[in-house]
Amino acid sequence: MPISPITASVGLGGVNRKADVEMIQRLLNACPFIKGGPNPLLATDGLCGPKTRNGISRFQQVNFGKADGKIDPGYQTISKLLAIVEQAGMLAQILSGLPTPGPSAPIPAPAPTSGAGGLRAEILKWAKLGVSGPYGDVGAGAKYGIVSDWDTTEETLSWGGKRTVRKGWQNYKEFFDVAVAGWTSNHWLAPGYLDGVKVPGKRVPKAPGSNSGISWCGIFATWCWIKAGKDTKWVAGLGPTNCTKIAGNQGIQPGDMCVQYGAEVHHFVAVGVNGANVDSVNGNSMAQSIIAKPHPLSSVNYYYRPE
């Protein structure tokens, strides 16, 4: 790993050379939200405005518990940022000068099916990343996606005991933090909420003291849209904001959010239409995993277009 990819300080009171600022913007955008990345993503324009300075401060606060809003070459902030982005598998791409996440420079994605491109290609990238990783504390080749009841680890409790938790529970938590309208850190203080994302078999309660849990398939799909650069939020009972709702199942394109009615309402991200089937990525699937599978096109009651 290089000592520093910037030549001078970036941020509050920094030298803020355009190339250096743009590099920091790209590195921060590639950092998972749970590890200090920004939401929404920063414009990669090389201008060190308040959003970029706040992004630097947030990263420092999450990782070091304090912030001065400035990144200096060769010091701990840039070293930590590079380590996190390398762990996410995106450092080589950024340092090679290839496009990276940000409103002005989407990451190249595998060629989507006809009719998809731009925002839709980004949505497919994030949906497929949810299936296979790497993201957060879940590496590449994730068997059950970036969160699952079947992929667990041990957590040491404050009194020294241990318990089994989902390996990707911080990713699960991020879906709510990023995508749900009105969600704040105070929600995690309510009884059962944090255990709902950490403990296999449990769910985030619908309200404090409630025995029923939130089905998060639509929240995950909205998270994919937001990570792709779409300005939207998930509103319980209404669906994603700032989009177009289409009745029926005709005209579905990769990147759309499809809705099925059955024993429960289920949302998924369409990644392709093949004859009578729509290929999909599904959050909150078996054992609260994220999996790719086909659905009959006829099973879709309506869908949302991100445009």
Protein backbone atom coordinates (compact mmCIF):
# COMPACT_ATOMS: atom_id res chain seq x y z
CA MET A 1 0.00 0.00 0.00
CA PRO A 2 1.41 3.45 -0.87
CA ILE A 3 2.24 5.78 2.02
CA SER A 4 -0.03 8.49 0.60
CA PRO A 5 -1.78 9.12 -2.72
CA ILE A 6 -2.07 12.86 -1.97
CA THR A 7 0.67 15.47 -2.15
CA ALA A 8 -0.62 17.92 0.46
CA SER A 9 -3.29 18.34 3.13
CA VAL A 10 -7.00 18.15 2.26
CA GLY A 11 -9.86 19.53 4.34
CA LEU A 12 -10.35 22.27 6.89
CA GLY A 13 -7.39 24.67 6.60
CA GLY A 14 -5.65 22.38 4.10
CA VAL A 15 -3.76 23.18 0.89
CA ASN A 16 -6.64 21.53 -1.03
CA ARG A 17 -5.06 20.95 -4.41
CA LYS A 18 -7.77 19.85 -6.81
CA ALA A 19 -6.25 16.45 -7.64
CA ASP A 20 -5.73 15.69 -3.95
CA VAL A 21 -9.29 16.71 -3.02
CA GLU A 22 -10.72 14.56 -5.80
CA MET A 23 -8.65 11.59 -4.60
CA ILE A 24 -9.98 11.99 -1.05
CA GLN A 25 -13.55 12.30 -2.35
CA ARG A 26 -13.18 9.05 -4.30
CA LEU A 27 -11.60 7.23 -1.36
CA LEU A 28 -14.32 8.38 1.04
CA ASN A 29 -17.06 7.36 -1.41
CA ALA A 30 -15.53 3.88 -1.61
CA CYS A 31 -15.55 3.55 2.19
CA PRO A 32 -18.60 1.68 3.58
CA PHE A 33 -20.97 3.91 5.55
CA ILE A 34 -20.51 1.80 8.69
CA LYS A 35 -16.77 2.47 8.49
CA GLY A 36 -17.13 6.22 8.11
CA GLY A 37 -18.11 6.70 4.47
CA PRO A 38 -20.44 9.55 3.46
CA ASN A 39 -24.16 9.41 2.75
CA PRO A 40 -25.05 10.77 0.28
CA LEU A 41 -21.91 10.23 -1.76
CA LEU A 42 -19.66 13.21 -2.42
CA ALA A 43 -19.39 14.87 -5.80
CA THR A 44 -15.93 14.01 -7.13
CA ASP A 45 -15.27 17.53 -8.39
CA GLY A 46 -12.00 18.33 -6.61
CA LEU A 47 -13.59 21.19 -4.66
CA CYS A 48 -13.21 21.05 -0.88
CA GLY A 49 -16.58 22.42 0.17
CA PRO A 50 -18.53 21.83 3.40
CA LYS A 51 -19.80 18.39 2.32
CA THR A 52 -16.26 17.14 1.70
CA ARG A 53 -15.01 18.64 4.97
CA ASN A 54 -17.95 17.08 6.82
CA GLY A 55 -17.18 13.76 5.10
CA ILE A 56 -13.62 13.89 6.37
CA SER A 57 -14.79 14.76 9.89
CA ARG A 58 -17.33 11.93 9.89
CA PHE A 59 -14.69 9.41 8.83
CA GLN A 60 -12.35 10.58 11.60
CA GLN A 61 -15.08 10.58 14.23
CA VAL A 62 -16.19 7.03 13.36
CA ASN A 63 -12.66 5.64 13.28
CA PHE A 64 -10.83 7.67 15.93
CA GLY A 65 -13.54 9.17 18.13
CA LYS A 66 -12.37 12.70 17.33
CA ALA A 67 -11.99 14.88 14.25
CA ASP A 68 -10.09 17.90 13.00
CA GLY A 69 -11.59 17.81 9.49
CA LYS A 70 -8.22 17.55 7.71
CA ILE A 71 -6.26 14.72 6.07
CA ASP A 72 -2.47 15.04 5.89
CA PRO A 73 -0.17 12.90 3.71
CA GLY A 74 1.41 10.01 5.58
CA TYR A 75 -0.62 10.35 8.79
CA GLN A 76 -3.19 8.12 10.50
CA THR A 77 -6.33 9.33 8.70
CA ILE A 78 -5.07 8.64 5.20
CA SER A 79 -3.51 5.37 6.35
CA LYS A 80 -6.78 4.19 7.88
CA LEU A 81 -8.80 5.31 4.85
CA LEU A 82 -6.50 3.45 2.47
CA ALA A 83 -6.66 0.30 4.60
CA ILE A 84 -10.48 0.30 4.64
CA VAL A 85 -10.78 0.92 0.90
CA GLU A 86 -8.22 -1.81 0.21
CA GLN A 87 -10.22 -4.21 2.40
CA ALA A 88 -13.30 -3.32 0.34
CA GLY A 89 -11.40 -4.38 -2.80
CA MET A 90 -11.52 -0.97 -4.51
CA LEU A 91 -8.13 0.63 -3.78
CA ALA A 92 -6.32 -0.57 -6.90
CA GLN A 93 -9.15 0.71 -9.09
CA ILE A 94 -9.07 4.15 -7.48
CA LEU A 95 -5.30 4.53 -7.60
CA SER A 96 -5.26 3.44 -11.25
CA GLY A 97 -7.50 6.39 -12.11
CA LEU A 98 -10.59 4.38 -13.05
CA PRO A 99 -13.99 5.95 -12.25
CA THR A 100 -15.19 5.43 -8.69
CA PRO A 101 -18.41 6.00 -6.72
CA GLY A 102 -19.78 9.52 -6.81
CA PRO A 103 -22.49 11.56 -8.48
CA SER A 104 -20.10 12.61 -11.25
CA ALA A 105 -18.29 9.33 -11.90
CA PRO A 106 -20.09 5.97 -11.60
CA ILE A 107 -18.10 2.76 -11.32
CA PRO A 108 -18.01 0.66 -14.48
CA ALA A 109 -20.32 -2.31 -13.99
CA PRO A 110 -20.82 -5.54 -15.94
CA ALA A 111 -22.70 -4.74 -19.14
CA PRO A 112 -26.41 -4.75 -18.21
CA THR A 113 -29.21 -5.99 -20.40
CA SER A 114 -30.77 -3.77 -23.03
CA GLY A 115 -32.32 -0.56 -21.76
CA ALA A 116 -30.13 -0.19 -18.66
CA GLY A 117 -27.25 2.20 -18.15
CA GLY A 118 -25.97 4.96 -15.93
CA LEU A 119 -27.95 4.91 -12.69
CA ARG A 120 -29.36 1.48 -13.51
CA ALA A 121 -25.92 -0.01 -14.07
CA GLU A 122 -24.90 1.33 -10.65
CA ILE A 123 -28.00 -0.20 -9.04
CA LEU A 124 -27.08 -3.58 -10.50
CA LYS A 125 -23.55 -3.25 -9.18
CA TRP A 126 -24.74 -2.61 -5.62
CA ALA A 127 -27.42 -5.30 -5.78
CA LYS A 128 -24.88 -7.88 -6.95
CA LEU A 129 -22.41 -6.70 -4.31
CA GLY A 130 -25.13 -7.44 -1.74
CA VAL A 131 -25.21 -11.03 -3.02
CA SER A 132 -21.48 -11.71 -3.23
CA GLY A 133 -19.60 -9.00 -1.29
CA PRO A 134 -17.16 -7.69 -0.35
CA TYR A 135 -18.77 -5.12 1.92
CA GLY A 136 -18.27 -4.10 5.52
CA ASP A 137 -17.09 -7.09 7.54
CA VAL A 138 -18.11 -9.64 4.89
CA GLY A 139 -15.52 -10.49 2.26
CA ALA A 140 -15.80 -11.46 -1.39
CA GLY A 141 -17.59 -14.64 -2.38
CA ALA A 142 -20.14 -14.34 0.43
CA LYS A 143 -22.19 -17.54 0.31
CA TYR A 144 -25.38 -15.97 1.64
CA GLY A 145 -24.82 -12.31 0.83
CA ILE A 146 -23.44 -9.54 3.02
CA VAL A 147 -25.80 -10.46 5.89
CA SER A 148 -27.40 -13.77 6.84
CA ASP A 149 -28.52 -15.82 9.82
CA TRP A 150 -26.32 -18.58 8.38
CA ASP A 151 -23.10 -16.54 8.38
CA THR A 152 -22.19 -15.93 12.02
CA THR A 153 -19.34 -15.00 14.31
CA GLU A 154 -18.76 -14.68 18.07
CA GLU A 155 -19.23 -11.45 19.99
CA THR A 156 -17.52 -10.88 23.34
CA LEU A 157 -19.90 -9.29 25.85
CA SER A 158 -18.97 -6.62 28.37
CA TRP A 159 -18.91 -9.13 31.23
CA GLY A 160 -16.62 -11.52 29.33
CA GLY A 161 -19.14 -14.01 27.99
CA LYS A 162 -19.76 -14.62 24.29
CA ARG A 163 -22.75 -14.93 22.02
CA THR A 164 -23.37 -15.73 18.37
CA VAL A 165 -24.14 -12.78 16.10
CA ARG A 166 -24.57 -12.28 12.37
CA LYS A 167 -21.21 -11.65 10.75
CA GLY A 168 -22.72 -8.93 8.58
CA TRP A 169 -24.90 -7.30 11.24
CA GLN A 170 -23.36 -3.87 10.66
CA ASN A 171 -24.40 -4.10 7.01
CA TYR A 172 -27.94 -4.96 8.12
CA LYS A 173 -27.87 -1.92 10.42
CA GLU A 174 -26.62 0.28 7.60
CA PHE A 175 -29.63 -0.58 5.44
CA PHE A 176 -31.82 1.14 8.05
CA ASP A 177 -29.43 4.01 8.76
CA VAL A 178 -29.06 4.90 5.08
CA ALA A 179 -32.42 4.04 3.54
CA VAL A 180 -35.27 4.52 6.02
CA ALA A 181 -36.89 7.95 6.17
CA GLY A 182 -36.68 9.51 9.61
CA TRP A 183 -34.36 6.85 11.02
CA THR A 184 -31.92 8.11 13.64
CA SER A 185 -29.33 6.66 15.99
CA ASN A 186 -31.92 6.91 18.78
CA HIS A 187 -33.83 4.00 17.28
CA TRP A 188 -30.98 1.67 18.21
CA LEU A 189 -31.38 2.61 21.88
CA ALA A 190 -34.89 1.13 22.05
CA PRO A 191 -35.19 -2.42 23.49
CA GLY A 192 -34.67 -5.12 20.89
CA TYR A 193 -33.63 -2.87 18.01
CA LEU A 194 -29.89 -3.51 18.04
CA ASP A 195 -30.39 -7.20 18.84
CA GLY A 196 -32.72 -7.27 15.84
CA VAL A 197 -29.77 -6.72 13.50
CA LYS A 198 -27.18 -8.61 15.53
CA VAL A 199 -28.81 -11.86 16.69
CA PRO A 200 -29.63 -14.61 14.14
CA GLY A 201 -33.36 -15.28 13.95
CA LYS A 202 -34.35 -11.87 15.28
CA ARG A 203 -35.60 -8.80 13.44
CA VAL A 204 -35.74 -5.09 14.10
CA PRO A 205 -39.07 -4.51 15.91
CA LYS A 206 -41.77 -2.47 14.20
CA ALA A 207 -42.10 -0.44 17.41
CA PRO A 208 -40.58 -0.58 20.91
CA GLY A 209 -42.04 -3.59 22.70
CA SER A 210 -43.51 -5.08 19.51
CA ASN A 211 -43.18 -8.81 18.91
CA SER A 212 -43.40 -8.45 15.13
CA GLY A 213 -40.36 -7.51 13.10
CA ILE A 214 -39.68 -5.42 10.03
CA SER A 215 -39.36 -7.19 6.68
CA TRP A 216 -36.44 -5.36 5.11
CA CYS A 217 -36.55 -6.48 1.46
CA GLY A 218 -37.78 -3.06 0.29
CA ILE A 219 -35.31 -1.30 2.58
CA PHE A 220 -32.44 -3.25 1.03
CA ALA A 221 -33.65 -2.46 -2.50
CA THR A 222 -33.87 1.24 -1.58
CA TRP A 223 -30.35 1.03 -0.12
CA CYS A 224 -29.12 -0.24 -3.50
CA TRP A 225 -30.76 2.73 -5.21
CA ILE A 226 -29.23 5.21 -2.74
CA LYS A 227 -25.75 3.69 -2.96
CA ALA A 228 -26.07 3.98 -6.75
CA GLY A 229 -26.66 7.73 -6.37
CA LYS A 230 -30.47 7.90 -6.37
CA ASP A 231 -32.05 10.56 -4.13
CA THR A 232 -34.72 8.52 -2.35
CA LYS A 233 -35.81 7.11 1.01
CA TRP A 234 -37.92 4.17 2.12
CA VAL A 235 -41.22 5.12 3.76
CA ALA A 236 -43.00 2.29 5.58
CA GLY A 237 -46.34 1.51 3.96
CA LEU A 238 -45.60 3.68 0.92
CA GLY A 239 -42.35 2.42 -0.60
CA PRO A 240 -39.47 4.44 -2.08
CA THR A 241 -39.81 8.18 -2.62
CA ASN A 242 -38.96 10.23 -5.72
CA CYS A 243 -39.68 7.53 -8.31
CA THR A 244 -42.38 6.30 -10.69
CA LYS A 245 -44.84 3.54 -9.75
CA ILE A 246 -46.01 1.33 -12.63
CA ALA A 247 -48.97 -1.06 -12.34
CA GLY A 248 -48.58 -4.57 -13.76
CA ASN A 249 -45.40 -6.25 -15.00
CA GLN A 250 -44.85 -4.96 -18.51
CA GLY A 251 -41.74 -2.94 -19.33
CA ILE A 252 -39.64 -4.00 -16.33
CA GLN A 253 -35.98 -3.08 -16.76
CA PRO A 254 -32.86 -4.00 -14.78
CA GLY A 255 -32.63 -1.71 -11.76
CA ASP A 256 -36.39 -1.49 -11.19
CA MET A 257 -37.81 -2.42 -7.78
CA CYS A 258 -40.51 -5.06 -8.24
CA VAL A 259 -43.32 -5.89 -5.81
CA GLN A 260 -45.09 -9.24 -5.32
CA TYR A 261 -48.20 -9.94 -3.31
CA GLY A 262 -48.41 -13.27 -1.51
CA ALA A 263 -48.46 -14.37 2.10
CA GLU A 264 -46.36 -11.20 2.54
CA VAL A 265 -45.54 -8.30 0.25
CA HIS A 266 -42.05 -8.82 -1.17
CA HIS A 267 -39.76 -6.31 -2.91
CA PHE A 268 -36.74 -7.18 -5.02
CA VAL A 269 -34.31 -5.58 -7.47
CA ALA A 270 -34.74 -6.72 -11.07
CA VAL A 271 -31.42 -7.55 -12.71
CA GLY A 272 -32.74 -8.95 -16.01
CA VAL A 273 -35.85 -10.20 -17.79
CA ASN A 274 -35.59 -13.57 -19.50
CA GLY A 275 -38.77 -14.66 -21.24
CA ALA A 276 -41.37 -15.49 -18.60
CA ASN A 277 -39.00 -14.86 -15.69
CA VAL A 278 -37.40 -11.83 -14.09
CA ASP A 279 -33.96 -12.42 -12.58
CA SER A 280 -33.66 -10.70 -9.22
CA VAL A 281 -31.66 -9.87 -6.12
CA ASN A 282 -33.64 -10.35 -2.93
CA GLY A 283 -32.92 -8.95 0.50
CA ASN A 284 -34.60 -10.54 3.53
CA SER A 285 -34.80 -13.88 1.74
CA MET A 286 -34.15 -17.32 3.27
CA ALA A 287 -32.73 -16.94 6.81
CA GLN A 288 -32.59 -13.17 6.20
CA SER A 289 -30.00 -13.66 3.47
CA ILE A 290 -29.47 -11.74 0.22
CA ILE A 291 -29.79 -14.07 -2.72
CA ALA A 292 -30.16 -13.99 -6.51
CA LYS A 293 -32.97 -16.04 -8.02
CA PRO A 294 -35.61 -15.88 -10.79
CA HIS A 295 -39.28 -15.05 -10.22
CA PRO A 296 -42.15 -15.60 -12.65
CA LEU A 297 -42.81 -12.31 -14.40
CA SER A 298 -46.51 -12.91 -13.77
CA SER A 299 -45.90 -12.76 -10.00
CA VAL A 300 -45.04 -9.04 -10.13
CA ASN A 301 -48.03 -6.87 -9.23
CA TYR A 302 -46.33 -3.51 -9.76
CA TYR A 303 -42.87 -2.00 -9.82
CA TYR A 304 -40.98 1.25 -9.22
CA ARG A 305 -38.75 2.93 -11.76
CA PRO A 306 -35.86 4.91 -10.27
CA GLU A 307 -36.20 7.72 -12.83
